[in-house]
Protein backbone atom coordinates (compact mmCIF):
# COMPACT_ATOMS: atom_id res chain seq x y z
CA UNK A 1 45.92 -61.09 97.75
CA UNK A 2 46.16 -58.49 95.01
CA UNK A 3 43.26 -57.82 92.65
CA UNK A 4 44.36 -56.60 89.24
CA UNK A 5 42.16 -54.01 87.57
CA UNK A 6 41.25 -54.51 83.92
CA UNK A 7 38.97 -51.89 82.37
CA UNK A 8 35.95 -53.19 80.53
CA UNK A 9 36.44 -52.93 76.76
CA UNK A 10 34.36 -50.26 75.09
CA UNK A 11 31.14 -51.74 73.74
CA UNK A 12 31.41 -54.83 75.94
CA UNK A 13 28.04 -53.98 77.45
CA UNK A 14 26.42 -54.83 74.14
CA UNK A 15 27.38 -58.48 74.55
CA UNK A 16 24.43 -59.21 76.85
CA UNK A 17 21.52 -58.11 74.59
CA UNK A 18 23.27 -59.30 71.41
CA UNK A 19 23.95 -62.70 72.94
CA UNK A 20 20.32 -62.93 73.98
CA UNK A 21 19.19 -62.06 70.46
CA UNK A 22 21.50 -64.65 68.89
CA UNK A 23 20.05 -67.32 71.17
CA UNK A 24 16.48 -66.21 70.40
CA UNK A 25 17.23 -66.19 66.66
CA UNK A 26 18.63 -69.72 66.76
CA UNK A 27 15.63 -71.04 68.65
CA UNK A 28 13.20 -69.14 66.41
CA UNK A 29 14.70 -70.62 63.24
CA UNK A 30 14.57 -74.14 64.69
CA UNK A 31 10.95 -73.97 65.84
CA UNK A 32 9.62 -71.68 63.09
CA UNK A 33 7.09 -74.28 61.82
CA UNK A 34 5.69 -74.58 65.35
CA UNK A 35 5.64 -70.81 65.74
CA UNK A 36 3.47 -70.56 62.64
CA UNK A 37 0.83 -72.76 64.27
CA UNK A 38 1.08 -70.85 67.54
CA UNK A 39 0.86 -67.58 65.62
CA UNK A 40 -2.45 -68.64 64.13
CA UNK A 41 -3.85 -69.38 67.59
CA UNK A 42 -2.54 -66.05 68.88
CA UNK A 43 -4.08 -64.26 65.90
CA UNK A 44 -7.48 -65.85 66.50
CA UNK A 45 -7.34 -64.93 70.20
CA UNK A 46 -6.39 -61.32 69.41
CA UNK A 47 -9.15 -61.05 66.84
CA UNK A 48 -11.67 -62.38 69.35
CA UNK A 49 -10.49 -59.70 71.80
CA UNK A 50 -10.75 -56.98 69.16
CA UNK A 51 -7.05 -56.14 69.33
CA UNK A 52 -6.63 -56.54 65.59
CA UNK A 53 -9.09 -53.75 64.76
CA UNK A 54 -6.83 -50.89 65.84
CA UNK A 55 -3.70 -52.30 64.19
CA UNK A 56 -5.56 -53.14 61.00
CA UNK A 57 -7.32 -49.79 60.79
CA UNK A 58 -4.41 -47.52 61.59
CA UNK A 59 -0.97 -49.12 61.48
CA UNK A 60 -1.61 -51.40 58.50
CA UNK A 61 -3.08 -48.58 56.45
CA UNK A 62 -0.20 -46.23 57.20
CA UNK A 63 2.42 -48.86 56.40
CA UNK A 64 0.58 -49.79 53.20
CA UNK A 65 0.61 -46.19 52.03
CA UNK A 66 4.31 -45.86 52.84
CA UNK A 67 5.10 -49.05 50.90
CA UNK A 68 3.05 -47.74 48.00
CA UNK A 69 5.15 -44.57 48.04
CA UNK A 70 8.40 -46.55 48.22
CA UNK A 71 7.38 -48.67 45.23
CA UNK A 72 6.49 -45.50 43.30
CA UNK A 73 9.99 -44.15 43.95
CA UNK A 74 11.40 -47.39 42.52
CA UNK A 75 9.21 -47.13 39.44
CA UNK A 76 7.04 -50.14 40.33
CA UNK A 77 3.36 -49.62 39.53
CA UNK A 78 1.16 -50.20 42.56
CA UNK A 79 -2.07 -49.13 44.19
CA UNK A 80 -3.33 -49.26 47.73
CA UNK A 81 -6.92 -49.68 48.87
CA UNK A 82 -7.93 -50.58 52.40
CA UNK A 83 -5.72 -53.48 53.49
CA UNK A 84 -4.84 -54.56 49.94
CA UNK A 85 -1.68 -53.55 48.11
CA UNK A 86 -1.89 -54.11 44.35
CA UNK A 87 1.46 -54.60 42.60
CA UNK A 88 1.78 -54.30 38.85
CA UNK A 89 -0.86 -53.27 36.37
CA UNK A 90 -3.40 -54.97 34.18
CA UNK A 91 -4.30 -58.64 34.34
CA UNK A 92 -0.92 -59.61 35.75
CA UNK A 93 -1.23 -57.53 38.92
CA UNK A 94 -0.89 -59.18 42.32
CA UNK A 95 -2.86 -58.33 45.44
CA UNK A 96 -1.05 -58.50 48.78
CA UNK A 97 -3.11 -58.41 51.95
CA UNK A 98 -1.48 -56.46 54.80
CA UNK A 99 -3.09 -57.88 57.92
CA UNK A 100 -2.70 -56.58 61.46
CA UNK A 101 -0.21 -59.31 62.37
CA UNK A 102 2.02 -58.36 59.45
CA UNK A 103 2.66 -54.80 60.63
CA UNK A 104 5.61 -55.77 62.83
CA UNK A 105 4.29 -56.24 66.35
CA UNK A 106 6.58 -59.28 66.69
CA UNK A 107 9.57 -57.06 65.95
CA UNK A 108 8.39 -54.55 68.52
CA UNK A 109 8.11 -57.38 71.04
CA UNK A 110 11.73 -58.36 70.36
CA UNK A 111 12.74 -54.74 70.92
CA UNK A 112 10.90 -54.51 74.25
CA UNK A 113 12.41 -57.77 75.49
CA UNK A 114 15.93 -56.71 74.50
CA UNK A 115 15.50 -53.30 76.16
CA UNK A 116 14.53 -54.97 79.42
CA UNK A 117 18.14 -56.16 79.68
CA UNK A 118 19.96 -53.79 77.33
CA UNK A 119 19.07 -50.62 79.24
CA UNK A 120 20.22 -51.94 82.60
CA UNK A 121 23.15 -50.00 83.97
CA UNK A 122 24.11 -46.50 85.08
CA UNK A 123 22.97 -44.68 81.95
CA UNK A 124 21.66 -41.13 81.78
CA UNK A 125 17.94 -40.66 81.33
CA UNK A 126 18.48 -38.66 78.16
CA UNK A 127 20.54 -41.40 76.50
CA UNK A 128 17.94 -44.00 77.52
CA UNK A 129 15.13 -41.97 75.93
CA UNK A 130 17.23 -41.42 72.81
CA UNK A 131 17.83 -45.17 72.57
CA UNK A 132 14.12 -45.93 72.92
CA UNK A 133 13.20 -43.32 70.28
CA UNK A 134 15.88 -44.61 67.92
CA UNK A 135 14.67 -48.18 68.40
CA UNK A 136 11.02 -47.34 67.70
CA UNK A 137 11.96 -45.31 64.61
CA UNK A 138 14.23 -48.09 63.39
CA UNK A 139 11.53 -50.74 63.88
CA UNK A 140 9.04 -48.62 61.91
CA UNK A 141 11.55 -48.19 59.08
CA UNK A 142 12.40 -51.91 59.15
CA UNK A 143 8.73 -52.91 58.88
CA UNK A 144 8.15 -50.67 55.86
CA UNK A 145 11.35 -51.95 54.26
CA UNK A 146 10.37 -55.55 54.98
CA UNK A 147 6.96 -55.23 53.33
CA UNK A 148 8.53 -53.38 50.39
CA UNK A 149 11.02 -56.21 49.84
CA UNK A 150 8.22 -58.79 49.97
CA UNK A 151 6.27 -56.75 47.41
CA UNK A 152 9.30 -56.55 45.11
CA UNK A 153 9.88 -60.30 45.35
CA UNK A 154 6.21 -60.90 44.53
CA UNK A 155 6.42 -58.53 41.56
CA UNK A 156 9.55 -60.04 40.02
CA UNK A 157 9.39 -63.69 41.11
CA UNK A 158 5.80 -64.49 42.07
CA UNK A 159 3.72 -65.17 45.14
CA UNK A 160 5.43 -68.33 46.47
CA UNK A 161 8.95 -66.79 46.75
CA UNK A 162 7.34 -63.76 48.41
CA UNK A 163 5.72 -66.00 51.03
CA UNK A 164 9.07 -67.69 51.75
CA UNK A 165 10.81 -64.32 52.13
CA UNK A 166 7.98 -63.10 54.36
CA UNK A 167 8.08 -66.12 56.67
CA UNK A 168 11.82 -66.75 56.94
CA UNK A 169 13.50 -63.53 55.86
CA UNK A 170 11.59 -61.47 58.40
CA UNK A 171 13.09 -63.37 61.34
CA UNK A 172 16.63 -63.01 60.01
CA UNK A 173 16.16 -59.31 59.18
CA UNK A 174 14.69 -58.58 62.60
CA UNK A 175 17.51 -60.20 64.56
CA UNK A 176 20.21 -58.68 62.32
CA UNK A 177 18.69 -55.23 62.80
CA UNK A 178 18.45 -55.55 66.57
CA UNK A 179 22.05 -56.73 66.89
CA UNK A 180 23.25 -53.79 64.80
CA UNK A 181 20.99 -51.45 66.76
CA UNK A 182 22.39 -52.46 70.14
CA UNK A 183 25.98 -52.33 68.92
CA UNK A 184 25.33 -48.77 67.71
CA UNK A 185 23.46 -47.81 70.88
CA UNK A 186 26.24 -48.95 73.22
CA UNK A 187 29.03 -47.38 71.19
CA UNK A 188 27.34 -44.10 70.22
CA UNK A 189 24.08 -43.33 72.04
CA UNK A 190 24.12 -44.67 75.60
CA UNK A 191 26.20 -42.67 78.09
CA UNK A 192 27.09 -43.34 81.70
CA UNK A 193 26.00 -40.86 84.32
CA UNK A 194 29.58 -39.63 84.52
CA UNK A 195 29.56 -38.86 80.81
CA UNK A 196 31.38 -42.04 79.73
CA UNK A 197 30.51 -45.55 78.57
CA UNK A 198 30.59 -47.18 81.99
CA UNK A 199 34.43 -47.14 82.03
CA UNK A 200 35.79 -46.82 85.61
CA UNK A 201 38.05 -43.87 86.32
CA UNK A 202 41.85 -44.32 86.77
CA UNK A 203 41.48 -43.50 90.50
CA UNK A 204 39.02 -46.32 90.92
CA UNK A 205 41.39 -48.65 89.09
CA UNK A 206 44.39 -47.75 91.25
CA UNK A 207 42.38 -48.20 94.46
CA UNK A 208 41.21 -51.64 93.34
CA UNK A 209 44.75 -52.60 92.36
CA UNK A 210 46.01 -51.74 95.85
CA UNK A 211 43.51 -53.98 97.59
CA UNK A 212 45.10 -56.89 99.43
């Protein structure tokens, strides 16, 4: 019996987390109406436990200020006060409420779940930490971008299209970002402990090929 050695294609390790995310995205889109009801129950439970206070007081305020700055760079008049983001000026202005469960904790949950499988393997500690830092920074940027897009849709098209983009577009954007993130992480950031991308050495390949 002879075992042929075939090196693993570069980037093949990304198949596992990306495949998981594709499956999660498909299920999420199918059961999104049910998730909305479950989300309300989860929100009420978190509010009863006081978990929403910290996110609403700190994270929501910071993201609201960043969105206000992004809109200013785009030339869109806006103002931010507390948890309310005012878009436009005068009588036609719209008020968007940035609640604690709109700051992106769901996206962070997706990231944590994907890292539980995506970081498995013989990777260096430094590359693991770099991947985690890159993921957290990317999630923060994605959340600000997501709220900015919702605000722009509300400004140009009205409240109802903004709600649709918020509810459905957020899921698609989150999964697309995480798939791109893991593809980039496996091809650029993550390194094996031998300084490679988990590719066996030629010596290992020849020894395996000589097995009988």
